[in-house]
Amino acid sequence: MTTFKLSALLLTASLTLPATVASAEEPAAGRTCGAHEAVVTRLAKRYQESRQAIALAGENQVVEIFASETGSWTILVTAPGGRTCLVAAGQAFEKVAEELPNTDPRT
C-alpha cells in the first residue's frame, strides 16, 4: 500500500505483534478476541469500520486494519486457528497517498 500512515500502522503492528499475539489462542487479560466473522460484524455495525488493509505477519497470522469515514480505526490479528483478537484501536485514521523517495544516487 502506498499510504504513509497506513504503512506506519502496519509497521508498528508488525514490530509489536510477536509480543502481543505470541499466544493468540490464549487471550490475555483485557484483550478482546472472538470468531473473525463476529468481530468484523461488530466493527461494521457499531463503528461503521471496514477493512482498509491486510497483511501476513509471523507464524502465518493475518493482520487487518479496519477504519471508518469518521476516523476510528482498529487493528485485528487472526491466528491460523481462526481466533481473532483486537490489538489496537484509535481515532484520526486517514489515507495519505505518498510517493516513494528517490533513492537513485545518480539523480
PDB file of N, CA and C in Angstrom:
ATOM      1  N   MET A   1       0.855  -1.172   0.000  1.00  0.00           N
ATOM      2  CA  MET A   1       0.000   0.000   0.000  1.00  0.00           C
ATOM      3  C   MET A   1       0.893   1.224   0.000  1.00  0.00           C
ATOM      4  N   THR A   2       0.507   2.273  -0.653  1.00  0.00           N
ATOM      5  CA  THR A   2       1.363   3.435  -0.824  1.00  0.00           C
ATOM      6  C   THR A   2       1.035   4.573   0.123  1.00  0.00           C
ATOM      7  N   THR A   3       0.328   4.339   1.161  1.00  0.00           N
ATOM      8  CA  THR A   3      -0.009   5.428   2.067  1.00  0.00           C
ATOM      9  C   THR A   3       0.889   5.397   3.291  1.00  0.00           C
ATOM     10  N   PHE A   4       1.399   6.566   3.659  1.00  0.00           N
ATOM     11  CA  PHE A   4       2.351   6.661   4.752  1.00  0.00           C
ATOM     12  C   PHE A   4       1.764   6.243   6.093  1.00  0.00           C
ATOM     13  N   LYS A   5       0.626   6.808   6.452  1.00  0.00           N
ATOM     14  CA  LYS A   5       0.054   6.490   7.759  1.00  0.00           C
ATOM     15  C   LYS A   5      -0.351   5.036   7.856  1.00  0.00           C
ATOM     16  N   LEU A   6      -0.911   4.479   6.799  1.00  0.00           N
ATOM     17  CA  LEU A   6      -1.285   3.073   6.797  1.00  0.00           C
ATOM     18  C   LEU A   6      -0.039   2.214   6.904  1.00  0.00           C
ATOM     19  N   SER A   7       1.013   2.585   6.206  1.00  0.00           N
ATOM     20  CA  SER A   7       2.269   1.852   6.288  1.00  0.00           C
ATOM     21  C   SER A   7       2.854   1.946   7.693  1.00  0.00           C
ATOM     22  N   ALA A   8       2.758   3.111   8.292  1.00  0.00           N
ATOM     23  CA  ALA A   8       3.265   3.284   9.651  1.00  0.00           C
ATOM     24  C   ALA A   8       2.496   2.412  10.635  1.00  0.00           C
ATOM     25  N   LEU A   9       1.169   2.318  10.466  1.00  0.00           N
ATOM     26  CA  LEU A   9       0.378   1.454  11.338  1.00  0.00           C
ATOM     27  C   LEU A   9       0.767  -0.007  11.158  1.00  0.00           C
ATOM     28  N   LEU A  10       0.945  -0.441   9.919  1.00  0.00           N
ATOM     29  CA  LEU A  10       1.346  -1.821   9.670  1.00  0.00           C
ATOM     30  C   LEU A  10       2.734  -2.085  10.235  1.00  0.00           C
ATOM     31  N   LEU A  11       3.659  -1.129  10.091  1.00  0.00           N
ATOM     32  CA  LEU A  11       4.995  -1.298  10.638  1.00  0.00           C
ATOM     33  C   LEU A  11       4.936  -1.400  12.152  1.00  0.00           C
ATOM     34  N   THR A  12       4.184  -0.522  12.783  1.00  0.00           N
ATOM     35  CA  THR A  12       4.041  -0.572  14.236  1.00  0.00           C
ATOM     36  C   THR A  12       3.456  -1.902  14.674  1.00  0.00           C
ATOM     37  N   ALA A  13       2.435  -2.354  13.961  1.00  0.00           N
ATOM     38  CA  ALA A  13       1.813  -3.632  14.298  1.00  0.00           C
ATOM     39  C   ALA A  13       2.796  -4.766  14.118  1.00  0.00           C
ATOM     40  N   SER A  14       3.564  -4.761  13.043  1.00  0.00           N
ATOM     41  CA  SER A  14       4.487  -5.868  12.791  1.00  0.00           C
ATOM     42  C   SER A  14       5.604  -5.901  13.819  1.00  0.00           C
ATOM     43  N   LEU A  15       5.998  -4.728  14.345  1.00  0.00           N
ATOM     44  CA  LEU A  15       7.046  -4.692  15.353  1.00  0.00           C
ATOM     45  C   LEU A  15       6.550  -5.150  16.720  1.00  0.00           C
ATOM     46  N   THR A  16       5.278  -4.933  16.994  1.00  0.00           N
ATOM     47  CA  THR A  16       4.741  -5.282  18.305  1.00  0.00           C
ATOM     48  C   THR A  16       3.995  -6.605  18.305  1.00  0.00           C
ATOM     49  N   LEU A  17       3.689  -7.153  17.130  1.00  0.00           N
ATOM     50  CA  LEU A  17       2.907  -8.385  17.070  1.00  0.00           C
ATOM     51  C   LEU A  17       3.547  -9.580  17.740  1.00  0.00           C
ATOM     52  N   PRO A  18       4.846  -9.825  17.582  1.00  0.00           N
ATOM     53  CA  PRO A  18       5.381 -11.024  18.217  1.00  0.00           C
ATOM     54  C   PRO A  18       5.088 -11.080  19.714  1.00  0.00           C
ATOM     55  N   ALA A  19       5.233  -9.966  20.405  1.00  0.00           N
ATOM     56  CA  ALA A  19       4.946  -9.946  21.840  1.00  0.00           C
ATOM     57  C   ALA A  19       3.454  -9.934  22.119  1.00  0.00           C
ATOM     58  N   THR A  20       2.704  -9.252  21.264  1.00  0.00           N
ATOM     59  CA  THR A  20       1.283  -9.085  21.505  1.00  0.00           C
ATOM     60  C   THR A  20       0.481 -10.337  21.237  1.00  0.00           C
ATOM     61  N   VAL A  21       0.803 -11.038  20.171  1.00  0.00           N
ATOM     62  CA  VAL A  21      -0.018 -12.179  19.791  1.00  0.00           C
ATOM     63  C   VAL A  21       0.748 -13.498  19.774  1.00  0.00           C
ATOM     64  N   ALA A  22       1.814 -13.564  20.547  1.00  0.00           N
ATOM     65  CA  ALA A  22       2.574 -14.807  20.588  1.00  0.00           C
ATOM     66  C   ALA A  22       1.690 -15.968  21.001  1.00  0.00           C
ATOM     67  N   SER A  23       0.683 -15.676  21.801  1.00  0.00           N
ATOM     68  CA  SER A  23      -0.242 -16.727  22.214  1.00  0.00           C
ATOM     69  C   SER A  23      -1.669 -16.288  21.919  1.00  0.00           C
ATOM     70  N   ALA A  24      -1.966 -16.071  20.659  1.00  0.00           N
ATOM     71  CA  ALA A  24      -3.288 -15.570  20.258  1.00  0.00           C
ATOM     72  C   ALA A  24      -4.405 -16.529  20.626  1.00  0.00           C
ATOM     73  N   GLU A  25      -4.081 -17.799  20.787  1.00  0.00           N
ATOM     74  CA  GLU A  25      -5.105 -18.764  21.171  1.00  0.00           C
ATOM     75  C   GLU A  25      -5.457 -18.636  22.650  1.00  0.00           C
ATOM     76  N   GLU A  26      -4.607 -17.952  23.425  1.00  0.00           N
ATOM     77  CA  GLU A  26      -4.863 -17.734  24.850  1.00  0.00           C
ATOM     78  C   GLU A  26      -4.982 -16.241  25.093  1.00  0.00           C
ATOM     79  N   PRO A  27      -6.204 -15.698  25.047  1.00  0.00           N
ATOM     80  CA  PRO A  27      -6.361 -14.254  25.180  1.00  0.00           C
ATOM     81  C   PRO A  27      -5.840 -13.721  26.508  1.00  0.00           C
ATOM     82  N   ALA A  28      -5.070 -12.652  26.433  1.00  0.00           N
ATOM     83  CA  ALA A  28      -4.561 -12.002  27.635  1.00  0.00           C
ATOM     84  C   ALA A  28      -5.671 -11.186  28.281  1.00  0.00           C
ATOM     85  N   ALA A  29      -5.458 -10.869  29.543  1.00  0.00           N
ATOM     86  CA  ALA A  29      -6.450 -10.062  30.249  1.00  0.00           C
ATOM     87  C   ALA A  29      -6.640  -8.742  29.516  1.00  0.00           C
ATOM     88  N   GLY A  30      -7.878  -8.369  29.273  1.00  0.00           N
ATOM     89  CA  GLY A  30      -8.174  -7.111  28.623  1.00  0.00           C
ATOM     90  C   GLY A  30      -8.213  -7.181  27.108  1.00  0.00           C
ATOM     91  N   ARG A  31      -7.723  -8.251  26.516  1.00  0.00           N
ATOM     92  CA  ARG A  31      -7.737  -8.369  25.052  1.00  0.00           C
ATOM     93  C   ARG A  31      -9.083  -8.905  24.612  1.00  0.00           C
ATOM     94  N   THR A  32      -9.632  -8.326  23.567  1.00  0.00           N
ATOM     95  CA  THR A  32     -10.913  -8.756  23.026  1.00  0.00           C
ATOM     96  C   THR A  32     -10.663  -9.716  21.879  1.00  0.00           C
ATOM     97  N   CYS A  33     -11.144 -10.944  22.007  1.00  0.00           N
ATOM     98  CA  CYS A  33     -10.963 -11.955  20.976  1.00  0.00           C
ATOM     99  C   CYS A  33     -12.293 -12.645  20.688  1.00  0.00           C
ATOM    100  N   GLY A  34     -12.389 -13.237  19.514  1.00  0.00           N
ATOM    101  CA  GLY A  34     -13.590 -13.972  19.157  1.00  0.00           C
ATOM    102  C   GLY A  34     -13.481 -14.525  17.752  1.00  0.00           C
ATOM    103  N   ALA A  35     -14.584 -15.032  17.262  1.00  0.00           N
ATOM    104  CA  ALA A  35     -14.639 -15.538  15.898  1.00  0.00           C
ATOM    105  C   ALA A  35     -14.501 -14.365  14.933  1.00  0.00           C
ATOM    106  N   HIS A  36     -13.730 -14.548  13.868  1.00  0.00           N
ATOM    107  CA  HIS A  36     -13.449 -13.463  12.923  1.00  0.00           C
ATOM    108  C   HIS A  36     -14.720 -12.801  12.412  1.00  0.00           C
ATOM    109  N   GLU A  37     -15.661 -13.597  11.946  1.00  0.00           N
ATOM    110  CA  GLU A  37     -16.899 -13.035  11.385  1.00  0.00           C
ATOM    111  C   GLU A  37     -17.650 -12.193  12.410  1.00  0.00           C
ATOM    112  N   ALA A  38     -17.688 -12.648  13.651  1.00  0.00           N
ATOM    113  CA  ALA A  38     -18.397 -11.907  14.699  1.00  0.00           C
ATOM    114  C   ALA A  38     -17.702 -10.582  15.009  1.00  0.00           C
ATOM    115  N   VAL A  39     -16.375 -10.600  15.067  1.00  0.00           N
ATOM    116  CA  VAL A  39     -15.627  -9.380  15.364  1.00  0.00           C
ATOM    117  C   VAL A  39     -15.793  -8.361  14.231  1.00  0.00           C
ATOM    118  N   VAL A  40     -15.675  -8.823  12.986  1.00  0.00           N
ATOM    119  CA  VAL A  40     -15.812  -7.931  11.833  1.00  0.00           C
ATOM    120  C   VAL A  40     -17.226  -7.350  11.751  1.00  0.00           C
ATOM    121  N   THR A  41     -18.224  -8.181  12.025  1.00  0.00           N
ATOM    122  CA  THR A  41     -19.611  -7.705  12.022  1.00  0.00           C
ATOM    123  C   THR A  41     -19.820  -6.641  13.083  1.00  0.00           C
ATOM    124  N   ARG A  42     -19.245  -6.843  14.250  1.00  0.00           N
ATOM    125  CA  ARG A  42     -19.378  -5.848  15.326  1.00  0.00           C
ATOM    126  C   ARG A  42     -18.713  -4.522  14.950  1.00  0.00           C
ATOM    127  N   LEU A  43     -17.525  -4.592  14.322  1.00  0.00           N
ATOM    128  CA  LEU A  43     -16.856  -3.359  13.890  1.00  0.00           C
ATOM    129  C   LEU A  43     -17.703  -2.609  12.872  1.00  0.00           C
ATOM    130  N   ALA A  44     -18.334  -3.339  11.967  1.00  0.00           N
ATOM    131  CA  ALA A  44     -19.175  -2.708  10.945  1.00  0.00           C
ATOM    132  C   ALA A  44     -20.419  -2.084  11.562  1.00  0.00           C
ATOM    133  N   LYS A  45     -21.097  -2.816  12.413  1.00  0.00           N
ATOM    134  CA  LYS A  45     -22.354  -2.321  12.990  1.00  0.00           C
ATOM    135  C   LYS A  45     -22.135  -1.207  14.006  1.00  0.00           C
ATOM    136  N   ARG A  46     -21.175  -1.395  14.895  1.00  0.00           N
ATOM    137  CA  ARG A  46     -21.004  -0.446  15.989  1.00  0.00           C
ATOM    138  C   ARG A  46     -20.190   0.791  15.596  1.00  0.00           C
ATOM    139  N   TYR A  47     -19.166   0.590  14.730  1.00  0.00           N
ATOM    140  CA  TYR A  47     -18.260   1.694  14.411  1.00  0.00           C
ATOM    141  C   TYR A  47     -18.235   2.064  12.930  1.00  0.00           C
ATOM    142  N   GLN A  48     -18.998   1.356  12.103  1.00  0.00           N
ATOM    143  CA  GLN A  48     -19.015   1.576  10.654  1.00  0.00           C
ATOM    144  C   GLN A  48     -17.615   1.441  10.043  1.00  0.00           C
ATOM    145  N   GLU A  49     -16.816   0.520  10.587  1.00  0.00           N
ATOM    146  CA  GLU A  49     -15.466   0.297  10.086  1.00  0.00           C
ATOM    147  C   GLU A  49     -15.456  -0.830   9.059  1.00  0.00           C
ATOM    148  N   SER A  50     -14.656  -0.635   8.019  1.00  0.00           N
ATOM    149  CA  SER A  50     -14.465  -1.666   7.002  1.00  0.00           C
ATOM    150  C   SER A  50     -12.964  -1.896   6.823  1.00  0.00           C
ATOM    151  N   ARG A  51     -12.604  -3.043   6.257  1.00  0.00           N
ATOM    152  CA  ARG A  51     -11.190  -3.387   6.090  1.00  0.00           C
ATOM    153  C   ARG A  51     -10.535  -2.431   5.093  1.00  0.00           C
ATOM    154  N   GLN A  52      -9.393  -1.881   5.504  1.00  0.00           N
ATOM    155  CA  GLN A  52      -8.627  -0.952   4.681  1.00  0.00           C
ATOM    156  C   GLN A  52      -7.314  -1.569   4.206  1.00  0.00           C
ATOM    157  N   ALA A  53      -6.798  -2.559   4.957  1.00  0.00           N
ATOM    158  CA  ALA A  53      -5.529  -3.196   4.598  1.00  0.00           C
ATOM    159  C   ALA A  53      -5.472  -4.572   5.236  1.00  0.00           C
ATOM    160  N   ILE A  54      -4.683  -5.446   4.623  1.00  0.00           N
ATOM    161  CA  ILE A  54      -4.493  -6.799   5.139  1.00  0.00           C
ATOM    162  C   ILE A  54      -3.047  -7.195   4.862  1.00  0.00           C
ATOM    163  N   ALA A  55      -2.432  -7.924   5.787  1.00  0.00           N
ATOM    164  CA  ALA A  55      -1.037  -8.338   5.628  1.00  0.00           C
ATOM    165  C   ALA A  55      -0.821  -9.646   6.379  1.00  0.00           C
ATOM    166  N   LEU A  56       0.263 -10.308   6.052  1.00  0.00           N
ATOM    167  CA  LEU A  56       0.627 -11.547   6.713  1.00  0.00           C
ATOM    168  C   LEU A  56       1.796 -11.268   7.641  1.00  0.00           C
ATOM    169  N   ALA A  57       1.658 -11.656   8.902  1.00  0.00           N
ATOM    170  CA  ALA A  57       2.715 -11.464   9.896  1.00  0.00           C
ATOM    171  C   ALA A  57       3.364 -12.816  10.190  1.00  0.00           C
ATOM    172  N   GLY A  58       4.282 -12.831  11.134  1.00  0.00           N
ATOM    173  CA  GLY A  58       4.958 -14.058  11.521  1.00  0.00           C
ATOM    174  C   GLY A  58       3.989 -15.129  11.983  1.00  0.00           C
ATOM    175  N   GLU A  59       4.433 -16.364  11.851  1.00  0.00           N
ATOM    176  CA  GLU A  59       3.642 -17.520  12.255  1.00  0.00           C
ATOM    177  C   GLU A  59       2.286 -17.578  11.563  1.00  0.00           C
ATOM    178  N   ASN A  60       2.232 -17.088  10.316  1.00  0.00           N
ATOM    179  CA  ASN A  60       1.020 -17.115   9.481  1.00  0.00           C
ATOM    180  C   ASN A  60      -0.183 -16.417  10.108  1.00  0.00           C
ATOM    181  N   GLN A  61       0.070 -15.388  10.879  1.00  0.00           N
ATOM    182  CA  GLN A  61      -1.013 -14.600  11.450  1.00  0.00           C
ATOM    183  C   GLN A  61      -1.409 -13.509  10.457  1.00  0.00           C
ATOM    184  N   VAL A  62      -2.705 -13.272  10.351  1.00  0.00           N
ATOM    185  CA  VAL A  62      -3.216 -12.252   9.436  1.00  0.00           C
ATOM    186  C   VAL A  62      -3.485 -10.975  10.228  1.00  0.00           C
ATOM    187  N   VAL A  63      -2.940  -9.861   9.737  1.00  0.00           N
ATOM    188  CA  VAL A  63      -3.137  -8.549  10.348  1.00  0.00           C
ATOM    189  C   VAL A  63      -4.072  -7.763   9.443  1.00  0.00           C
ATOM    190  N   GLU A  64      -5.115  -7.171  10.027  1.00  0.00           N
ATOM    191  CA  GLU A  64      -6.063  -6.376   9.255  1.00  0.00           C
ATOM    192  C   GLU A  64      -6.248  -5.028   9.932  1.00  0.00           C
ATOM    193  N   ILE A  65      -6.359  -3.992   9.118  1.00  0.00           N
ATOM    194  CA  ILE A  65      -6.674  -2.666   9.627  1.00  0.00           C
ATOM    195  C   ILE A  65      -8.055  -2.295   9.115  1.00  0.00           C
ATOM    196  N   PHE A  66      -8.941  -1.955  10.043  1.00  0.00           N
ATOM    197  CA  PHE A  66     -10.297  -1.514   9.733  1.00  0.00           C
ATOM    198  C   PHE A  66     -10.389  -0.051  10.101  1.00  0.00           C
ATOM    199  N   ALA A  67     -11.152   0.719   9.328  1.00  0.00           N
ATOM    200  CA  ALA A  67     -11.328   2.137   9.631  1.00  0.00           C
ATOM    201  C   ALA A  67     -12.674   2.612   9.114  1.00  0.00           C
ATOM    202  N   SER A  68     -13.132   3.699   9.702  1.00  0.00           N
ATOM    203  CA  SER A  68     -14.410   4.294   9.286  1.00  0.00           C
ATOM    204  C   SER A  68     -14.151   5.654   8.645  1.00  0.00           C
ATOM    205  N   GLU A  69     -15.171   6.196   8.004  1.00  0.00           N
ATOM    206  CA  GLU A  69     -15.065   7.526   7.401  1.00  0.00           C
ATOM    207  C   GLU A  69     -14.923   8.612   8.463  1.00  0.00           C
ATOM    208  N   THR A  70     -15.330   8.330   9.701  1.00  0.00           N
ATOM    209  CA  THR A  70     -15.202   9.320  10.774  1.00  0.00           C
ATOM    210  C   THR A  70     -13.820   9.285  11.422  1.00  0.00           C
ATOM    211  N   GLY A  71     -12.968   8.316  11.021  1.00  0.00           N
ATOM    212  CA  GLY A  71     -11.594   8.284  11.513  1.00  0.00           C
ATOM    213  C   GLY A  71     -11.288   7.242  12.568  1.00  0.00           C
ATOM    214  N   SER A  72     -12.274   6.507  13.058  1.00  0.00           N
ATOM    215  CA  SER A  72     -11.948   5.453  14.024  1.00  0.00           C
ATOM    216  C   SER A  72     -11.240   4.324  13.286  1.00  0.00           C
ATOM    217  N   TRP A  73     -10.328   3.608  13.970  1.00  0.00           N
ATOM    218  CA  TRP A  73      -9.617   2.509  13.347  1.00  0.00           C
ATOM    219  C   TRP A  73      -9.363   1.401  14.368  1.00  0.00           C
ATOM    220  N   THR A  74      -9.198   0.197  13.855  1.00  0.00           N
ATOM    221  CA  THR A  74      -8.954  -0.984  14.680  1.00  0.00           C
ATOM    222  C   THR A  74      -7.985  -1.895  13.953  1.00  0.00           C
ATOM    223  N   ILE A  75      -7.017  -2.455  14.690  1.00  0.00           N
ATOM    224  CA  ILE A  75      -6.117  -3.459  14.131  1.00  0.00           C
ATOM    225  C   ILE A  75      -6.484  -4.801  14.746  1.00  0.00           C
ATOM    226  N   LEU A  76      -6.731  -5.779  13.871  1.00  0.00           N
ATOM    227  CA  LEU A  76      -7.053  -7.145  14.287  1.00  0.00           C
ATOM    228  C   LEU A  76      -5.931  -8.079  13.866  1.00  0.00           C
ATOM    229  N   VAL A  77      -5.730  -9.142  14.655  1.00  0.00           N
ATOM    230  CA  VAL A  77      -4.807 -10.206  14.287  1.00  0.00           C
ATOM    231  C   VAL A  77      -5.563 -11.514  14.400  1.00  0.00           C
ATOM    232  N   THR A  78      -5.482 -12.321  13.333  1.00  0.00           N
ATOM    233  CA  THR A  78      -6.143 -13.614  13.321  1.00  0.00           C
ATOM    234  C   THR A  78      -5.081 -14.699  13.252  1.00  0.00           C
ATOM    235  N   ALA A  79      -5.127 -15.619  14.210  1.00  0.00           N
ATOM    236  CA  ALA A  79      -4.190 -16.740  14.269  1.00  0.00           C
ATOM    237  C   ALA A  79      -4.629 -17.819  13.283  1.00  0.00           C
ATOM    238  N   PRO A  80      -3.713 -18.710  12.897  1.00  0.00           N
ATOM    239  CA  PRO A  80      -4.068 -19.772  11.968  1.00  0.00           C
ATOM    240  C   PRO A  80      -5.286 -20.593  12.394  1.00  0.00           C
ATOM    241  N   GLY A  81      -5.519 -20.744  13.672  1.00  0.00           N
ATOM    242  CA  GLY A  81      -6.675 -21.489  14.156  1.00  0.00           C
ATOM    243  C   GLY A  81      -7.993 -20.759  13.976  1.00  0.00           C
ATOM    244  N   GLY A  82      -7.939 -19.486  13.596  1.00  0.00           N
ATOM    245  CA  GLY A  82      -9.152 -18.729  13.323  1.00  0.00           C
ATOM    246  C   GLY A  82      -9.556 -17.733  14.394  1.00  0.00           C
ATOM    247  N   ARG A  83      -8.892 -17.751  15.538  1.00  0.00           N
ATOM    248  CA  ARG A  83      -9.242 -16.811  16.601  1.00  0.00           C
ATOM    249  C   ARG A  83      -8.736 -15.418  16.243  1.00  0.00           C
ATOM    250  N   THR A  84      -9.619 -14.425  16.342  1.00  0.00           N
ATOM    251  CA  THR A  84      -9.296 -13.040  16.005  1.00  0.00           C
ATOM    252  C   THR A  84      -9.244 -12.210  17.266  1.00  0.00           C
ATOM    253  N   CYS A  85      -8.163 -11.421  17.416  1.00  0.00           N
ATOM    254  CA  CYS A  85      -8.013 -10.555  18.584  1.00  0.00           C
ATOM    255  C   CYS A  85      -7.778  -9.115  18.155  1.00  0.00           C
ATOM    256  N   LEU A  86      -8.403  -8.199  18.877  1.00  0.00           N
ATOM    257  CA  LEU A  86      -8.194  -6.770  18.693  1.00  0.00           C
ATOM    258  C   LEU A  86      -6.896  -6.419  19.415  1.00  0.00           C
ATOM    259  N   VAL A  87      -5.939  -5.818  18.705  1.00  0.00           N
ATOM    260  CA  VAL A  87      -4.666  -5.488  19.340  1.00  0.00           C
ATOM    261  C   VAL A  87      -4.445  -3.989  19.502  1.00  0.00           C
ATOM    262  N   ALA A  88      -5.191  -3.170  18.747  1.00  0.00           N
ATOM    263  CA  ALA A  88      -5.066  -1.716  18.881  1.00  0.00           C
ATOM    264  C   ALA A  88      -6.280  -1.056  18.248  1.00  0.00           C
ATOM    265  N   ALA A  89      -6.608   0.131  18.747  1.00  0.00           N
ATOM    266  CA  ALA A  89      -7.720   0.905  18.187  1.00  0.00           C
ATOM    267  C   ALA A  89      -7.477   2.370  18.510  1.00  0.00           C
ATOM    268  N   GLY A  90      -8.071   3.250  17.709  1.00  0.00           N
ATOM    269  CA  GLY A  90      -7.887   4.664  17.968  1.00  0.00           C
ATOM    270  C   GLY A  90      -8.713   5.531  17.047  1.00  0.00           C
ATOM    271  N   GLN A  91      -8.322   6.779  16.949  1.00  0.00           N
ATOM    272  CA  GLN A  91      -9.031   7.785  16.161  1.00  0.00           C
ATOM    273  C   GLN A  91      -8.072   8.438  15.176  1.00  0.00           C
ATOM    274  N   ALA A  92      -8.620   9.229  14.285  1.00  0.00           N
ATOM    275  CA  ALA A  92      -7.883  10.070  13.333  1.00  0.00           C
ATOM    276  C   ALA A  92      -7.192   9.271  12.237  1.00  0.00           C
ATOM    277  N   PHE A  93      -7.773   8.149  11.815  1.00  0.00           N
ATOM    278  CA  PHE A  93      -7.248   7.394  10.675  1.00  0.00           C
ATOM    279  C   PHE A  93      -7.429   8.228   9.422  1.00  0.00           C
ATOM    280  N   GLU A  94      -6.411   8.227   8.583  1.00  0.00           N
ATOM    281  CA  GLU A  94      -6.519   8.957   7.327  1.00  0.00           C
ATOM    282  C   GLU A  94      -5.606   8.306   6.299  1.00  0.00           C
ATOM    283  N   LYS A  95      -6.115   8.162   5.082  1.00  0.00           N
ATOM    284  CA  LYS A  95      -5.315   7.629   3.980  1.00  0.00           C
ATOM    285  C   LYS A  95      -4.550   8.786   3.363  1.00  0.00           C
ATOM    286  N   VAL A  96      -3.276   8.551   3.120  1.00  0.00           N
ATOM    287  CA  VAL A  96      -2.442   9.581   2.523  1.00  0.00           C
ATOM    288  C   VAL A  96      -1.627   8.931   1.408  1.00  0.00           C
ATOM    289  N   ALA A  97      -1.801   9.396   0.189  1.00  0.00           N
ATOM    290  CA  ALA A  97      -1.010   8.889  -0.927  1.00  0.00           C
ATOM    291  C   ALA A  97       0.350   9.578  -0.886  1.00  0.00           C
ATOM    292  N   GLU A  98       1.396   8.776  -0.894  1.00  0.00           N
ATOM    293  CA  GLU A  98       2.737   9.346  -0.827  1.00  0.00           C
ATOM    294  C   GLU A  98       3.658   8.566  -1.742  1.00  0.00           C
ATOM    295  N   GLU A  99       4.422   9.288  -2.533  1.00  0.00           N
ATOM    296  CA  GLU A  99       5.384   8.668  -3.431  1.00  0.00           C
ATOM    297  C   GLU A  99       6.590   8.192  -2.633  1.00  0.00           C
ATOM    298  N   LEU A 100       7.237   7.133  -3.112  1.00  0.00           N
ATOM    299  CA  LEU A 100       8.483   6.689  -2.506  1.00  0.00           C
ATOM    300  C   LEU A 100       9.559   7.734  -2.765  1.00  0.00           C
ATOM    301  N   PRO A 101      10.463   7.942  -1.812  1.00  0.00           N
ATOM    302  CA  PRO A 101      11.535   8.911  -2.047  1.00  0.00           C
ATOM    303  C   PRO A 101      12.488   8.386  -3.124  1.00  0.00           C
ATOM    304  N   ASN A 102      13.140   9.299  -3.828  1.00  0.00           N
ATOM    305  CA  ASN A 102      14.120   8.937  -4.842  1.00  0.00           C
ATOM    306  C   ASN A 102      15.356   8.393  -4.147  1.00  0.00           C
ATOM    307  N   THR A 103      15.714   7.142  -4.415  1.00  0.00           N
ATOM    308  CA  THR A 103      16.891   6.536  -3.793  1.00  0.00           C
ATOM    309  C   THR A 103      18.013   6.321  -4.802  1.00  0.00           C
ATOM    310  N   ASP A 104      17.827   6.850  -6.003  1.00  0.00           N
ATOM    311  CA  ASP A 104      18.842   6.707  -7.049  1.00  0.00           C
ATOM    312  C   ASP A 104      19.944   7.739  -6.785  1.00  0.00           C
ATOM    313  N   PRO A 105      21.165   7.285  -6.478  1.00  0.00           N
ATOM    314  CA  PRO A 105      22.252   8.237  -6.155  1.00  0.00           C
ATOM    315  C   PRO A 105      22.709   9.045  -7.355  1.00  0.00           C
ATOM    316  N   ARG A 106      22.303   8.649  -8.559  1.00  0.00           N
ATOM    317  CA  ARG A 106      22.740   9.363  -9.778  1.00  0.00           C
ATOM    318  C   ARG A 106      21.911  10.615 -10.010  1.00  0.00           C
ATOM    319  N   THR A 107      20.834  10.813  -9.268  1.00  0.00           N
ATOM    320  CA  THR A 107      19.991  11.986  -9.526  1.00  0.00           C
ATOM    321  C   THR A 107      20.022  12.951  -8.378  1.00  0.00           C
TER     322      THR A 107
END
